[in-house]
Structure formats: C-alpha cells, structure tokens
Amino acid sequence: MTSLFETLRDRAQKRARYNETVAELSATTLDTRLDLDIYKDDIPRIAYKAVYGA
C-alpha cells in the first residue's frame, strides 16, 4: 500500500514536471510553435497530457 507521503511526493513531482513543460513550451518562439501547430491556449492541455496522460 502506498503511503500518504509517497503519494504526496509523486503528485508534487508531477506538478513540477507540468510546470516545467508549460514553461518550456511557453518559451519557444511563436514561429516554432506555429510550425508545430501549437497555439498559446493549447500549452496547458499539451503539458497536462504529457505529464498525467489521458
């Protein structure tokens, strides 16, 4: 059985990866994002799928 601390640690690590992914995608140039068909409003959704799946 997973302990409470392991669950909290896992969630904190995923949230940190989510924040890093959002920051990295946001830091790309507009030209790069458009080439990849990524729009600014899509960044949180893309980051969420990359980290949490679904």
N, C-alpha and C. Protein backbone atom coordinates (compact mmCIF):
# COMPACT_ATOMS: atom_id res chain seq x y z
N MET A 1 0.85 -1.18 0.00
CA MET A 1 0.00 0.00 0.00
C MET A 1 0.89 1.24 0.00
N THR A 2 0.51 2.19 -0.81
CA THR A 2 1.28 3.42 -0.93
C THR A 2 1.00 4.32 0.26
N SER A 3 2.05 4.84 0.82
CA SER A 3 1.87 5.70 1.98
C SER A 3 1.44 7.10 1.54
N LEU A 4 0.94 7.84 2.44
CA LEU A 4 0.50 9.21 2.18
C LEU A 4 1.66 10.05 1.67
N PHE A 5 2.83 9.88 2.25
CA PHE A 5 3.99 10.68 1.85
C PHE A 5 4.46 10.34 0.44
N GLU A 6 4.38 9.08 0.07
CA GLU A 6 4.75 8.68 -1.29
C GLU A 6 3.79 9.28 -2.31
N THR A 7 2.51 9.27 -1.96
CA THR A 7 1.50 9.86 -2.84
C THR A 7 1.73 11.36 -2.99
N LEU A 8 1.98 12.04 -1.89
CA LEU A 8 2.22 13.48 -1.95
C LEU A 8 3.49 13.80 -2.74
N ARG A 9 4.53 12.99 -2.55
CA ARG A 9 5.77 13.20 -3.29
C ARG A 9 5.55 13.01 -4.79
N ASP A 10 4.82 11.97 -5.15
CA ASP A 10 4.54 11.70 -6.55
C ASP A 10 3.75 12.84 -7.18
N ARG A 11 2.75 13.33 -6.48
CA ARG A 11 1.94 14.43 -7.01
C ARG A 11 2.76 15.71 -7.14
N ALA A 12 3.63 15.96 -6.18
CA ALA A 12 4.48 17.16 -6.24
C ALA A 12 5.46 17.06 -7.41
N GLN A 13 6.00 15.87 -7.65
CA GLN A 13 6.93 15.69 -8.77
C GLN A 13 6.21 15.88 -10.11
N LYS A 14 5.00 15.35 -10.22
CA LYS A 14 4.24 15.53 -11.45
C LYS A 14 3.89 17.00 -11.67
N ARG A 15 3.52 17.68 -10.61
CA ARG A 15 3.18 19.10 -10.74
C ARG A 15 4.41 19.89 -11.18
N ALA A 16 5.57 19.56 -10.64
CA ALA A 16 6.81 20.23 -11.04
C ALA A 16 7.11 19.97 -12.51
N ARG A 17 6.93 18.73 -12.97
CA ARG A 17 7.14 18.41 -14.39
C ARG A 17 6.15 19.15 -15.26
N TYR A 18 4.90 19.25 -14.81
CA TYR A 18 3.88 20.00 -15.55
C TYR A 18 4.31 21.46 -15.69
N ASN A 19 4.72 22.07 -14.58
CA ASN A 19 5.14 23.48 -14.62
C ASN A 19 6.35 23.68 -15.53
N GLU A 20 7.31 22.75 -15.49
CA GLU A 20 8.48 22.82 -16.36
C GLU A 20 8.07 22.72 -17.83
N THR A 21 7.16 21.82 -18.12
CA THR A 21 6.71 21.62 -19.50
C THR A 21 6.00 22.86 -20.02
N VAL A 22 5.13 23.43 -19.19
CA VAL A 22 4.44 24.67 -19.59
C VAL A 22 5.46 25.77 -19.84
N ALA A 23 6.43 25.90 -18.97
CA ALA A 23 7.44 26.95 -19.12
C ALA A 23 8.26 26.75 -20.39
N GLU A 24 8.65 25.51 -20.67
CA GLU A 24 9.44 25.22 -21.86
C GLU A 24 8.66 25.50 -23.14
N LEU A 25 7.40 25.06 -23.16
CA LEU A 25 6.59 25.32 -24.35
C LEU A 25 6.31 26.81 -24.51
N SER A 26 6.10 27.50 -23.42
CA SER A 26 5.84 28.94 -23.49
C SER A 26 7.07 29.71 -23.93
N ALA A 27 8.25 29.17 -23.66
CA ALA A 27 9.49 29.87 -24.01
C ALA A 27 9.86 29.72 -25.48
N THR A 28 9.23 28.78 -26.17
CA THR A 28 9.55 28.62 -27.59
C THR A 28 9.04 29.82 -28.37
N THR A 29 9.69 30.07 -29.49
CA THR A 29 9.28 31.22 -30.30
C THR A 29 7.93 30.94 -30.95
N LEU A 30 7.27 32.01 -31.31
CA LEU A 30 5.97 31.89 -31.96
C LEU A 30 6.09 31.11 -33.26
N ASP A 31 7.15 31.38 -34.02
CA ASP A 31 7.34 30.67 -35.28
C ASP A 31 7.47 29.16 -35.06
N THR A 32 8.20 28.77 -34.04
CA THR A 32 8.37 27.35 -33.74
C THR A 32 7.05 26.73 -33.33
N ARG A 33 6.31 27.41 -32.46
CA ARG A 33 5.01 26.88 -32.03
C ARG A 33 4.05 26.75 -33.20
N LEU A 34 4.04 27.73 -34.09
CA LEU A 34 3.15 27.65 -35.25
C LEU A 34 3.57 26.53 -36.19
N ASP A 35 4.88 26.32 -36.34
CA ASP A 35 5.36 25.20 -37.16
C ASP A 35 4.90 23.86 -36.59
N LEU A 36 4.83 23.78 -35.27
CA LEU A 36 4.40 22.55 -34.60
C LEU A 36 2.88 22.50 -34.38
N ASP A 37 2.20 23.53 -34.86
CA ASP A 37 0.74 23.64 -34.71
C ASP A 37 0.33 23.68 -33.24
N ILE A 38 1.11 24.41 -32.44
CA ILE A 38 0.82 24.60 -31.01
C ILE A 38 0.44 26.06 -30.81
N TYR A 39 -0.73 26.28 -30.30
CA TYR A 39 -1.19 27.63 -30.01
C TYR A 39 -1.09 27.89 -28.52
N LYS A 40 -0.96 29.16 -28.16
CA LYS A 40 -0.71 29.54 -26.77
C LYS A 40 -1.74 28.93 -25.81
N ASP A 41 -3.00 28.94 -26.20
CA ASP A 41 -4.04 28.41 -25.32
C ASP A 41 -4.00 26.89 -25.20
N ASP A 42 -3.28 26.22 -26.10
CA ASP A 42 -3.17 24.76 -26.05
C ASP A 42 -2.06 24.27 -25.13
N ILE A 43 -1.17 25.15 -24.73
CA ILE A 43 0.00 24.74 -23.95
C ILE A 43 -0.36 24.02 -22.65
N PRO A 44 -1.27 24.55 -21.83
CA PRO A 44 -1.59 23.81 -20.59
C PRO A 44 -2.16 22.41 -20.86
N ARG A 45 -2.98 22.27 -21.88
CA ARG A 45 -3.56 20.96 -22.21
C ARG A 45 -2.48 19.99 -22.68
N ILE A 46 -1.58 20.47 -23.52
CA ILE A 46 -0.49 19.63 -24.01
C ILE A 46 0.41 19.18 -22.86
N ALA A 47 0.74 20.11 -21.98
CA ALA A 47 1.58 19.78 -20.83
C ALA A 47 0.89 18.77 -19.91
N TYR A 48 -0.40 18.95 -19.70
CA TYR A 48 -1.15 18.04 -18.84
C TYR A 48 -1.12 16.63 -19.42
N LYS A 49 -1.37 16.52 -20.73
CA LYS A 49 -1.36 15.20 -21.36
C LYS A 49 0.02 14.57 -21.32
N ALA A 50 1.06 15.38 -21.44
CA ALA A 50 2.42 14.86 -21.43
C ALA A 50 2.81 14.32 -20.06
N VAL A 51 2.33 14.95 -19.01
CA VAL A 51 2.72 14.56 -17.65
C VAL A 51 1.75 13.53 -17.05
N TYR A 52 0.45 13.80 -17.16
CA TYR A 52 -0.54 12.97 -16.49
C TYR A 52 -1.17 11.93 -17.39
N GLY A 53 -0.97 12.06 -18.70
CA GLY A 53 -1.61 11.14 -19.63
C GLY A 53 -3.06 11.56 -19.88
N ALA A 54 -3.76 10.75 -20.60
CA ALA A 54 -5.18 10.99 -20.93
C ALA A 54 -5.34 12.17 -21.77
